[in-house]
PDB file of all heavy atoms in Angstrom:
ATOM      1  N   GLU A   1     -14.229  14.370  -4.027  1.00  0.00           N
ATOM      2  CA  GLU A   1     -12.979  13.748  -3.585  1.00  0.00           C
ATOM      3  C   GLU A   1     -12.184  14.665  -2.651  1.00  0.00           C
ATOM      4  O   GLU A   1     -11.607  14.189  -1.672  1.00  0.00           O
ATOM      5  CB  GLU A   1     -12.137  13.390  -4.813  1.00  0.00           C
ATOM      6  CG  GLU A   1     -10.842  12.628  -4.543  1.00  0.00           C
ATOM      7  CD  GLU A   1     -11.102  11.275  -3.967  1.00  0.00           C
ATOM      8  OE1 GLU A   1     -12.236  10.760  -4.153  1.00  0.00           O
ATOM      9  OE2 GLU A   1     -10.135  10.726  -3.351  1.00  0.00           O
ATOM     10  N   ARG A   2     -12.124  15.944  -2.950  1.00  0.00           N
ATOM     11  CA  ARG A   2     -11.420  16.892  -2.114  1.00  0.00           C
ATOM     12  C   ARG A   2     -12.067  16.933  -0.712  1.00  0.00           C
ATOM     13  O   ARG A   2     -11.317  16.952   0.306  1.00  0.00           O
ATOM     14  CB  ARG A   2     -11.490  18.311  -2.719  1.00  0.00           C
ATOM     15  CG  ARG A   2     -10.795  19.361  -1.878  1.00  0.00           C
ATOM     16  CD  ARG A   2     -10.751  20.693  -2.581  1.00  0.00           C
ATOM     17  NE  ARG A   2      -9.705  20.777  -3.625  1.00  0.00           N
ATOM     18  CZ  ARG A   2      -8.437  21.026  -3.373  1.00  0.00           C
ATOM     19  NH1 ARG A   2      -7.984  21.161  -2.142  1.00  0.00           N
ATOM     20  NH2 ARG A   2      -7.575  21.083  -4.387  1.00  0.00           N
ATOM     21  N   ASP A   3     -13.381  16.907  -0.625  1.00  0.00           N
ATOM     22  CA  ASP A   3     -14.091  16.915   0.642  1.00  0.00           C
ATOM     23  C   ASP A   3     -13.736  15.673   1.449  1.00  0.00           C
ATOM     24  O   ASP A   3     -13.478  15.720   2.675  1.00  0.00           O
ATOM     25  CB  ASP A   3     -15.590  17.041   0.438  1.00  0.00           C
ATOM     26  CG  ASP A   3     -16.362  17.040   1.773  1.00  0.00           C
ATOM     27  OD1 ASP A   3     -16.162  18.008   2.506  1.00  0.00           O
ATOM     28  OD2 ASP A   3     -17.132  16.123   1.959  1.00  0.00           O
ATOM     29  N   LEU A   4     -13.741  14.505   0.759  1.00  0.00           N
ATOM     30  CA  LEU A   4     -13.434  13.280   1.378  1.00  0.00           C
ATOM     31  C   LEU A   4     -11.990  13.226   1.946  1.00  0.00           C
ATOM     32  O   LEU A   4     -11.755  12.896   3.081  1.00  0.00           O
ATOM     33  CB  LEU A   4     -13.607  12.069   0.422  1.00  0.00           C
ATOM     34  CG  LEU A   4     -13.158  10.724   0.918  1.00  0.00           C
ATOM     35  CD1 LEU A   4     -14.010  10.236   2.063  1.00  0.00           C
ATOM     36  CD2 LEU A   4     -13.254   9.688  -0.222  1.00  0.00           C
ATOM     37  N   LEU A   5     -11.058  13.742   1.125  1.00  0.00           N
ATOM     38  CA  LEU A   5      -9.681  13.792   1.541  1.00  0.00           C
ATOM     39  C   LEU A   5      -9.447  14.722   2.705  1.00  0.00           C
ATOM     40  O   LEU A   5      -8.624  14.468   3.571  1.00  0.00           O
ATOM     41  CB  LEU A   5      -8.766  14.171   0.355  1.00  0.00           C
ATOM     42  CG  LEU A   5      -8.672  13.186  -0.811  1.00  0.00           C
ATOM     43  CD1 LEU A   5      -7.926  13.789  -1.986  1.00  0.00           C
ATOM     44  CD2 LEU A   5      -7.964  11.867  -0.336  1.00  0.00           C
ATOM     45  N   ALA A   6     -10.176  15.832   2.711  1.00  0.00           N
ATOM     46  CA  ALA A   6     -10.076  16.806   3.800  1.00  0.00           C
ATOM     47  C   ALA A   6     -10.533  16.173   5.123  1.00  0.00           C
ATOM     48  O   ALA A   6      -9.906  16.392   6.177  1.00  0.00           O
ATOM     49  CB  ALA A   6     -10.919  18.068   3.442  1.00  0.00           C
ATOM     50  N   ARG A   7     -11.642  15.488   5.037  1.00  0.00           N
ATOM     51  CA  ARG A   7     -12.167  14.834   6.271  1.00  0.00           C
ATOM     52  C   ARG A   7     -11.241  13.737   6.789  1.00  0.00           C
ATOM     53  O   ARG A   7     -11.093  13.596   7.964  1.00  0.00           O
ATOM     54  CB  ARG A   7     -13.591  14.275   5.990  1.00  0.00           C
ATOM     55  CG  ARG A   7     -14.664  15.358   5.960  1.00  0.00           C
ATOM     56  CD  ARG A   7     -16.052  14.826   5.885  1.00  0.00           C
ATOM     57  NE  ARG A   7     -16.389  14.500   4.497  1.00  0.00           N
ATOM     58  CZ  ARG A   7     -16.660  13.257   4.044  1.00  0.00           C
ATOM     59  NH1 ARG A   7     -16.562  12.241   4.872  1.00  0.00           N
ATOM     60  NH2 ARG A   7     -16.986  13.047   2.794  1.00  0.00           N
ATOM     61  N   GLN A   8     -10.624  13.054   5.808  1.00  0.00           N
ATOM     62  CA  GLN A   8      -9.648  11.956   6.237  1.00  0.00           C
ATOM     63  C   GLN A   8      -8.406  12.606   6.942  1.00  0.00           C
ATOM     64  O   GLN A   8      -7.983  12.109   7.982  1.00  0.00           O
ATOM     65  CB  GLN A   8      -9.184  11.257   4.966  1.00  0.00           C
ATOM     66  CG  GLN A   8     -10.202  10.256   4.412  1.00  0.00           C
ATOM     67  CD  GLN A   8      -9.697   9.553   3.150  1.00  0.00           C
ATOM     68  OE1 GLN A   8      -8.685   9.970   2.544  1.00  0.00           O
ATOM     69  NE2 GLN A   8     -10.390   8.533   2.750  1.00  0.00           N
ATOM     70  N   ALA A   9      -7.915  13.712   6.374  1.00  0.00           N
ATOM     71  CA  ALA A   9      -6.767  14.368   6.920  1.00  0.00           C
ATOM     72  C   ALA A   9      -7.016  14.908   8.344  1.00  0.00           C
ATOM     73  O   ALA A   9      -6.226  14.807   9.259  1.00  0.00           O
ATOM     74  CB  ALA A   9      -6.314  15.503   6.001  1.00  0.00           C
ATOM     75  N   LEU A  10      -8.204  15.506   8.504  1.00  0.00           N
ATOM     76  CA  LEU A  10      -8.592  16.023   9.820  1.00  0.00           C
ATOM     77  C   LEU A  10      -8.812  14.874  10.848  1.00  0.00           C
ATOM     78  O   LEU A  10      -8.482  15.018  12.036  1.00  0.00           O
ATOM     79  CB  LEU A  10      -9.866  16.894   9.708  1.00  0.00           C
ATOM     80  CG  LEU A  10      -9.647  18.237   8.948  1.00  0.00           C
ATOM     81  CD1 LEU A  10     -11.018  18.882   8.764  1.00  0.00           C
ATOM     82  CD2 LEU A  10      -8.721  19.144   9.703  1.00  0.00           C
ATOM     83  N   ALA A  11      -9.322  13.761  10.316  1.00  0.00           N
ATOM     84  CA  ALA A  11      -9.570  12.609  11.241  1.00  0.00           C
ATOM     85  C   ALA A  11      -8.232  12.000  11.640  1.00  0.00           C
ATOM     86  O   ALA A  11      -8.157  11.383  12.729  1.00  0.00           O
ATOM     87  CB  ALA A  11     -10.389  11.557  10.475  1.00  0.00           C
ATOM     88  N   GLU A  12      -7.199  12.214  10.865  1.00  0.00           N
ATOM     89  CA  GLU A  12      -5.852  11.728  11.277  1.00  0.00           C
ATOM     90  C   GLU A  12      -5.190  12.701  12.264  1.00  0.00           C
ATOM     91  O   GLU A  12      -4.047  12.430  12.671  1.00  0.00           O
ATOM     92  CB  GLU A  12      -4.956  11.631  10.003  1.00  0.00           C
ATOM     93  CG  GLU A  12      -5.430  10.565   9.039  1.00  0.00           C
ATOM     94  CD  GLU A  12      -4.741  10.686   7.660  1.00  0.00           C
ATOM     95  OE1 GLU A  12      -3.881  11.524   7.517  1.00  0.00           O
ATOM     96  OE2 GLU A  12      -5.126   9.903   6.738  1.00  0.00           O
ATOM     97  N   GLY A  13      -5.929  13.753  12.627  1.00  0.00           N
ATOM     98  CA  GLY A  13      -5.389  14.687  13.645  1.00  0.00           C
ATOM     99  C   GLY A  13      -4.433  15.727  13.060  1.00  0.00           C
ATOM    100  O   GLY A  13      -3.692  16.360  13.828  1.00  0.00           O
ATOM    101  N   LYS A  14      -4.443  15.910  11.766  1.00  0.00           N
ATOM    102  CA  LYS A  14      -3.562  16.913  11.153  1.00  0.00           C
ATOM    103  C   LYS A  14      -4.131  18.348  11.391  1.00  0.00           C
ATOM    104  O   LYS A  14      -5.363  18.527  11.327  1.00  0.00           O
ATOM    105  CB  LYS A  14      -3.464  16.726   9.624  1.00  0.00           C
ATOM    106  CG  LYS A  14      -3.060  15.284   9.289  1.00  0.00           C
ATOM    107  CD  LYS A  14      -1.656  14.927   9.675  1.00  0.00           C
ATOM    108  CE  LYS A  14      -1.310  13.536   9.152  1.00  0.00           C
ATOM    109  NZ  LYS A  14       0.009  13.061   9.636  1.00  0.00           N
ATOM    110  N   PRO A  15      -3.286  19.318  11.688  1.00  0.00           N
ATOM    111  CA  PRO A  15      -3.774  20.709  11.784  1.00  0.00           C
ATOM    112  C   PRO A  15      -4.334  21.168  10.491  1.00  0.00           C
ATOM    113  O   PRO A  15      -3.888  20.690   9.395  1.00  0.00           O
ATOM    114  CB  PRO A  15      -2.451  21.487  12.110  1.00  0.00           C
ATOM    115  CG  PRO A  15      -1.514  20.451  12.637  1.00  0.00           C
ATOM    116  CD  PRO A  15      -1.817  19.161  11.959  1.00  0.00           C
ATOM    117  N   GLU A  16      -5.232  22.100  10.527  1.00  0.00           N
ATOM    118  CA  GLU A  16      -5.970  22.511   9.309  1.00  0.00           C
ATOM    119  C   GLU A  16      -5.030  23.001   8.239  1.00  0.00           C
ATOM    120  O   GLU A  16      -5.179  22.623   7.018  1.00  0.00           O
ATOM    121  CB  GLU A  16      -6.994  23.591   9.627  1.00  0.00           C
ATOM    122  CG  GLU A  16      -7.958  23.828   8.497  1.00  0.00           C
ATOM    123  CD  GLU A  16      -9.156  24.675   8.917  1.00  0.00           C
ATOM    124  OE1 GLU A  16      -9.512  24.709  10.154  1.00  0.00           O
ATOM    125  OE2 GLU A  16      -9.745  25.325   8.070  1.00  0.00           O
ATOM    126  N   ALA A  17      -4.034  23.759   8.591  1.00  0.00           N
ATOM    127  CA  ALA A  17      -3.087  24.314   7.578  1.00  0.00           C
ATOM    128  C   ALA A  17      -2.263  23.168   6.885  1.00  0.00           C
ATOM    129  O   ALA A  17      -2.055  23.159   5.716  1.00  0.00           O
ATOM    130  CB  ALA A  17      -2.154  25.271   8.245  1.00  0.00           C
ATOM    131  N   VAL A  18      -1.870  22.221   7.734  1.00  0.00           N
ATOM    132  CA  VAL A  18      -1.122  21.046   7.182  1.00  0.00           C
ATOM    133  C   VAL A  18      -2.053  20.187   6.357  1.00  0.00           C
ATOM    134  O   VAL A  18      -1.663  19.626   5.324  1.00  0.00           O
ATOM    135  CB  VAL A  18      -0.500  20.245   8.346  1.00  0.00           C
ATOM    136  CG1 VAL A  18       0.171  18.952   7.842  1.00  0.00           C
ATOM    137  CG2 VAL A  18       0.469  21.138   9.111  1.00  0.00           C
ATOM    138  N   ALA A  19      -3.276  19.997   6.822  1.00  0.00           N
ATOM    139  CA  ALA A  19      -4.261  19.141   6.199  1.00  0.00           C
ATOM    140  C   ALA A  19      -4.485  19.608   4.770  1.00  0.00           C
ATOM    141  O   ALA A  19      -4.646  18.773   3.824  1.00  0.00           O
ATOM    142  CB  ALA A  19      -5.567  19.123   6.942  1.00  0.00           C
ATOM    143  N   GLU A  20      -4.527  20.937   4.556  1.00  0.00           N
ATOM    144  CA  GLU A  20      -4.779  21.479   3.218  1.00  0.00           C
ATOM    145  C   GLU A  20      -3.714  21.030   2.234  1.00  0.00           C
ATOM    146  O   GLU A  20      -3.973  20.705   1.083  1.00  0.00           O
ATOM    147  CB  GLU A  20      -4.855  23.018   3.270  1.00  0.00           C
ATOM    148  CG  GLU A  20      -5.380  23.621   2.026  1.00  0.00           C
ATOM    149  CD  GLU A  20      -5.630  25.098   2.120  1.00  0.00           C
ATOM    150  OE1 GLU A  20      -5.865  25.586   3.269  1.00  0.00           O
ATOM    151  OE2 GLU A  20      -5.575  25.825   1.108  1.00  0.00           O
ATOM    152  N   LYS A  21      -2.434  21.064   2.697  1.00  0.00           N
ATOM    153  CA  LYS A  21      -1.292  20.668   1.795  1.00  0.00           C
ATOM    154  C   LYS A  21      -1.397  19.172   1.545  1.00  0.00           C
ATOM    155  O   LYS A  21      -1.047  18.683   0.443  1.00  0.00           O
ATOM    156  CB  LYS A  21       0.022  21.022   2.468  1.00  0.00           C
ATOM    157  CG  LYS A  21       0.239  22.550   2.539  1.00  0.00           C
ATOM    158  CD  LYS A  21       1.578  22.895   3.159  1.00  0.00           C
ATOM    159  CE  LYS A  21       1.849  24.360   3.242  1.00  0.00           C
ATOM    160  NZ  LYS A  21       3.085  24.722   3.872  1.00  0.00           N
ATOM    161  N   ILE A  22      -1.789  18.406   2.563  1.00  0.00           N
ATOM    162  CA  ILE A  22      -1.884  16.970   2.419  1.00  0.00           C
ATOM    163  C   ILE A  22      -2.969  16.654   1.396  1.00  0.00           C
ATOM    164  O   ILE A  22      -2.790  15.767   0.523  1.00  0.00           O
ATOM    165  CB  ILE A  22      -2.208  16.284   3.759  1.00  0.00           C
ATOM    166  CG1 ILE A  22      -0.985  16.382   4.666  1.00  0.00           C
ATOM    167  CG2 ILE A  22      -2.621  14.837   3.609  1.00  0.00           C
ATOM    168  CD1 ILE A  22      -1.229  15.893   6.087  1.00  0.00           C
ATOM    169  N   VAL A  23      -4.060  17.369   1.487  1.00  0.00           N
ATOM    170  CA  VAL A  23      -5.221  17.159   0.517  1.00  0.00           C
ATOM    171  C   VAL A  23      -4.730  17.420  -0.906  1.00  0.00           C
ATOM    172  O   VAL A  23      -5.053  16.699  -1.802  1.00  0.00           O
ATOM    173  CB  VAL A  23      -6.406  18.071   0.889  1.00  0.00           C
ATOM    174  CG1 VAL A  23      -7.452  18.086  -0.206  1.00  0.00           C
ATOM    175  CG2 VAL A  23      -7.028  17.599   2.183  1.00  0.00           C
ATOM    176  N   ASP A  24      -3.987  18.515  -1.106  1.00  0.00           N
ATOM    177  CA  ASP A  24      -3.504  18.903  -2.440  1.00  0.00           C
ATOM    178  C   ASP A  24      -2.638  17.786  -2.977  1.00  0.00           C
ATOM    179  O   ASP A  24      -2.756  17.430  -4.184  1.00  0.00           O
ATOM    180  CB  ASP A  24      -2.718  20.189  -2.415  1.00  0.00           C
ATOM    181  CG  ASP A  24      -3.636  21.446  -2.214  1.00  0.00           C
ATOM    182  OD1 ASP A  24      -4.814  21.262  -2.466  1.00  0.00           O
ATOM    183  OD2 ASP A  24      -3.113  22.471  -1.808  1.00  0.00           O
ATOM    184  N   GLY A  25      -1.812  17.197  -2.131  1.00  0.00           N
ATOM    185  CA  GLY A  25      -0.896  16.149  -2.557  1.00  0.00           C
ATOM    186  C   GLY A  25      -1.615  14.896  -2.934  1.00  0.00           C
ATOM    187  O   GLY A  25      -1.398  14.245  -3.997  1.00  0.00           O
ATOM    188  N   ARG A  26      -2.606  14.522  -2.106  1.00  0.00           N
ATOM    189  CA  ARG A  26      -3.396  13.339  -2.360  1.00  0.00           C
ATOM    190  C   ARG A  26      -4.338  13.541  -3.582  1.00  0.00           C
ATOM    191  O   ARG A  26      -4.629  12.568  -4.292  1.00  0.00           O
ATOM    192  CB  ARG A  26      -4.223  12.929  -1.098  1.00  0.00           C
ATOM    193  CG  ARG A  26      -3.305  12.484   0.018  1.00  0.00           C
ATOM    194  CD  ARG A  26      -4.117  12.176   1.279  1.00  0.00           C
ATOM    195  NE  ARG A  26      -3.226  11.717   2.341  1.00  0.00           N
ATOM    196  CZ  ARG A  26      -3.657  11.473   3.562  1.00  0.00           C
ATOM    197  NH1 ARG A  26      -4.947  11.650   3.943  1.00  0.00           N
ATOM    198  NH2 ARG A  26      -2.774  11.037   4.502  1.00  0.00           N
ATOM    199  N   LEU A  27      -4.811  14.760  -3.791  1.00  0.00           N
ATOM    200  CA  LEU A  27      -5.685  15.028  -4.949  1.00  0.00           C
ATOM    201  C   LEU A  27      -4.837  14.924  -6.188  1.00  0.00           C
ATOM    202  O   LEU A  27      -5.360  14.416  -7.248  1.00  0.00           O
ATOM    203  CB  LEU A  27      -6.255  16.461  -4.806  1.00  0.00           C
ATOM    204  CG  LEU A  27      -7.440  16.734  -5.800  1.00  0.00           C
ATOM    205  CD1 LEU A  27      -8.624  15.790  -5.535  1.00  0.00           C
ATOM    206  CD2 LEU A  27      -7.878  18.165  -5.665  1.00  0.00           C
ATOM    207  N   ASN A  28      -3.585  15.276  -6.182  1.00  0.00           N
ATOM    208  CA  ASN A  28      -2.719  15.115  -7.310  1.00  0.00           C
ATOM    209  C   ASN A  28      -2.574  13.650  -7.684  1.00  0.00           C
ATOM    210  O   ASN A  28      -2.577  13.288  -8.826  1.00  0.00           O
ATOM    211  CB  ASN A  28      -1.312  15.699  -7.076  1.00  0.00           C
ATOM    212  CG  ASN A  28      -1.236  17.177  -7.428  1.00  0.00           C
ATOM    213  OD1 ASN A  28      -1.937  17.647  -8.356  1.00  0.00           O
ATOM    214  ND2 ASN A  28      -0.457  17.932  -6.741  1.00  0.00           N
ATOM    215  N   SER A  29      -2.494  12.808  -6.623  1.00  0.00           N
ATOM    216  CA  SER A  29      -2.362  11.359  -6.862  1.00  0.00           C
ATOM    217  C   SER A  29      -3.621  10.823  -7.455  1.00  0.00           C
ATOM    218  O   SER A  29      -3.619   9.917  -8.329  1.00  0.00           O
ATOM    219  CB  SER A  29      -2.088  10.632  -5.573  1.00  0.00           C
ATOM    220  OG  SER A  29      -0.777  10.988  -5.056  1.00  0.00           O
ATOM    221  N   TRP A  30      -4.771  11.337  -7.037  1.00  0.00           N
ATOM    222  CA  TRP A  30      -6.080  10.983  -7.530  1.00  0.00           C
ATOM    223  C   TRP A  30      -6.169  11.349  -9.020  1.00  0.00           C
ATOM    224  O   TRP A  30      -6.675  10.512  -9.853  1.00  0.00           O
ATOM    225  CB  TRP A  30      -7.141  11.715  -6.706  1.00  0.00           C
ATOM    226  CG  TRP A  30      -8.594  11.350  -7.123  1.00  0.00           C
ATOM    227  CD1 TRP A  30      -9.278  10.254  -6.703  1.00  0.00           C
ATOM    228  CD2 TRP A  30      -9.483  12.187  -7.896  1.00  0.00           C
ATOM    229  NE1 TRP A  30     -10.582  10.337  -7.243  1.00  0.00           N
ATOM    230  CE2 TRP A  30     -10.692  11.481  -7.968  1.00  0.00           C
ATOM    231  CE3 TRP A  30      -9.304  13.378  -8.585  1.00  0.00           C
ATOM    232  CZ2 TRP A  30     -11.793  11.969  -8.693  1.00  0.00           C
ATOM    233  CZ3 TRP A  30     -10.390  13.889  -9.323  1.00  0.00           C
ATOM    234  CH2 TRP A  30     -11.612  13.228  -9.372  1.00  0.00           C
ATOM    235  N   TYR A  31      -5.695  12.531  -9.366  1.00  0.00           N
ATOM    236  CA  TYR A  31      -5.685  12.962 -10.768  1.00  0.00           C
ATOM    237  C   TYR A  31      -4.800  11.979 -11.576  1.00  0.00           C
ATOM    238  O   TYR A  31      -5.141  11.598 -12.740  1.00  0.00           O
ATOM    239  CB  TYR A  31      -5.145  14.373 -10.901  1.00  0.00           C
ATOM    240  CG  TYR A  31      -6.159  15.458 -10.742  1.00  0.00           C
ATOM    241  CD1 TYR A  31      -6.003  16.440  -9.757  1.00  0.00           C
ATOM    242  CD2 TYR A  31      -7.342  15.499 -11.507  1.00  0.00           C
ATOM    243  CE1 TYR A  31      -6.890  17.482  -9.623  1.00  0.00           C
ATOM    244  CE2 TYR A  31      -8.221  16.504 -11.343  1.00  0.00           C
ATOM    245  CZ  TYR A  31      -8.006  17.527 -10.425  1.00  0.00           C
ATOM    246  OH  TYR A  31      -8.931  18.554 -10.269  1.00  0.00           O
ATOM    247  N   MET A  32      -3.654  11.582 -11.016  1.00  0.00           N
ATOM    248  CA  MET A  32      -2.715  10.724 -11.824  1.00  0.00           C
ATOM    249  C   MET A  32      -3.396   9.388 -12.083  1.00  0.00           C
ATOM    250  O   MET A  32      -3.038   8.756 -13.076  1.00  0.00           O
ATOM    251  CB  MET A  32      -1.460  10.538 -11.005  1.00  0.00           C
ATOM    252  CG  MET A  32      -0.592  11.826 -10.970  1.00  0.00           C
ATOM    253  SD  MET A  32       0.759  11.680  -9.806  1.00  0.00           S
ATOM    254  CE  MET A  32       1.763  10.414 -10.577  1.00  0.00           C
ATOM    255  N   ASP A  33      -4.305   8.974 -11.281  1.00  0.00           N
ATOM    256  CA  ASP A  33      -5.003   7.667 -11.560  1.00  0.00           C
ATOM    257  C   ASP A  33      -6.090   7.829 -12.608  1.00  0.00           C
ATOM    258  O   ASP A  33      -6.404   6.870 -13.326  1.00  0.00           O
ATOM    259  CB  ASP A  33      -5.738   7.203 -10.243  1.00  0.00           C
ATOM    260  CG  ASP A  33      -4.690   6.632  -9.256  1.00  0.00           C
ATOM    261  OD1 ASP A  33      -3.623   6.239  -9.677  1.00  0.00           O
ATOM    262  OD2 ASP A  33      -5.067   6.550  -8.081  1.00  0.00           O
ATOM    263  N   ARG A  34      -6.582   9.041 -12.771  1.00  0.00           N
ATOM    264  CA  ARG A  34      -7.778   9.242 -13.644  1.00  0.00           C
ATOM    265  C   ARG A  34      -7.591  10.104 -14.888  1.00  0.00           C
ATOM    266  O   ARG A  34      -8.438  10.072 -15.780  1.00  0.00           O
ATOM    267  CB  ARG A  34      -8.936   9.800 -12.780  1.00  0.00           C
ATOM    268  CG  ARG A  34      -9.447   8.813 -11.792  1.00  0.00           C
ATOM    269  CD  ARG A  34     -10.218   9.470 -10.646  1.00  0.00           C
ATOM    270  NE  ARG A  34     -10.725   8.471  -9.706  1.00  0.00           N
ATOM    271  CZ  ARG A  34      -9.993   7.915  -8.784  1.00  0.00           C
ATOM    272  NH1 ARG A  34      -8.745   8.239  -8.653  1.00  0.00           N
ATOM    273  NH2 ARG A  34     -10.518   6.977  -7.968  1.00  0.00           N
ATOM    274  N   VAL A  35      -6.543  10.863 -14.933  1.00  0.00           N
ATOM    275  CA  VAL A  35      -6.341  11.809 -16.048  1.00  0.00           C
ATOM    276  C   VAL A  35      -5.230  11.252 -16.958  1.00  0.00           C
ATOM    277  O   VAL A  35      -4.109  11.014 -16.515  1.00  0.00           O
ATOM    278  CB  VAL A  35      -5.963  13.144 -15.541  1.00  0.00           C
ATOM    279  CG1 VAL A  35      -5.574  14.089 -16.693  1.00  0.00           C
ATOM    280  CG2 VAL A  35      -7.126  13.783 -14.727  1.00  0.00           C
ATOM    281  N   LEU A  36      -5.535  11.050 -18.208  1.00  0.00           N
ATOM    282  CA  LEU A  36      -4.629  10.454 -19.177  1.00  0.00           C
ATOM    283  C   LEU A  36      -3.302  11.160 -19.231  1.00  0.00           C
ATOM    284  O   LEU A  36      -2.241  10.588 -19.081  1.00  0.00           O
ATOM    285  CB  LEU A  36      -5.288  10.464 -20.618  1.00  0.00           C
ATOM    286  CG  LEU A  36      -4.375   9.992 -21.717  1.00  0.00           C
ATOM    287  CD1 LEU A  36      -3.996   8.457 -21.506  1.00  0.00           C
ATOM    288  CD2 LEU A  36      -5.092  10.168 -23.109  1.00  0.00           C
ATOM    289  N   TYR A  37      -3.308  12.507 -19.347  1.00  0.00           N
ATOM    290  CA  TYR A  37      -2.090  13.288 -19.450  1.00  0.00           C
ATOM    291  C   TYR A  37      -1.189  13.197 -18.208  1.00  0.00           C
ATOM    292  O   TYR A  37      -0.011  13.450 -18.280  1.00  0.00           O
ATOM    293  CB  TYR A  37      -2.372  14.744 -19.796  1.00  0.00           C
ATOM    294  CG  TYR A  37      -2.614  15.062 -21.266  1.00  0.00           C
ATOM    295  CD1 TYR A  37      -2.776  14.055 -22.182  1.00  0.00           C
ATOM    296  CD2 TYR A  37      -2.666  16.377 -21.733  1.00  0.00           C
ATOM    297  CE1 TYR A  37      -2.994  14.321 -23.549  1.00  0.00           C
ATOM    298  CE2 TYR A  37      -2.923  16.697 -23.044  1.00  0.00           C
ATOM    299  CZ  TYR A  37      -3.054  15.639 -23.956  1.00  0.00           C
ATOM    300  OH  TYR A  37      -3.241  15.925 -25.266  1.00  0.00           O
ATOM    301  N   ASP A  38      -1.823  12.909 -17.083  1.00  0.00           N
ATOM    302  CA  ASP A  38      -1.075  12.873 -15.806  1.00  0.00           C
ATOM    303  C   ASP A  38      -0.482  11.441 -15.545  1.00  0.00           C
ATOM    304  O   ASP A  38       0.335  11.285 -14.652  1.00  0.00           O
ATOM    305  CB  ASP A  38      -1.933  13.297 -14.643  1.00  0.00           C
ATOM    306  CG  ASP A  38      -2.161  14.760 -14.577  1.00  0.00           C
ATOM    307  OD1 ASP A  38      -1.812  15.454 -15.542  1.00  0.00           O
ATOM    308  OD2 ASP A  38      -2.646  15.235 -13.530  1.00  0.00           O
ATOM    309  N   GLN A  39      -0.933  10.488 -16.273  1.00  0.00           N
ATOM    310  CA  GLN A  39      -0.513   9.140 -16.076  1.00  0.00           C
ATOM    311  C   GLN A  39       0.882   8.871 -16.614  1.00  0.00           C
ATOM    312  O   GLN A  39       1.214   9.339 -17.693  1.00  0.00           O
ATOM    313  CB  GLN A  39      -1.507   8.135 -16.706  1.00  0.00           C
ATOM    314  CG  GLN A  39      -2.856   8.030 -15.983  1.00  0.00           C
ATOM    315  CD  GLN A  39      -3.816   7.027 -16.601  1.00  0.00           C
ATOM    316  OE1 GLN A  39      -3.650   6.620 -17.710  1.00  0.00           O
ATOM    317  NE2 GLN A  39      -4.831   6.699 -15.859  1.00  0.00           N
TER     318      GLN A  39
END
């Protein structure tokens, strides 16, 4: 999932440093969908 999100962020034209933060944020959302304690 992290790899997929990283490729999506780069495809959106985000700079690598910014893309990493975007990936972390989107990965948190992914966890919230799948992890009981995060829901």
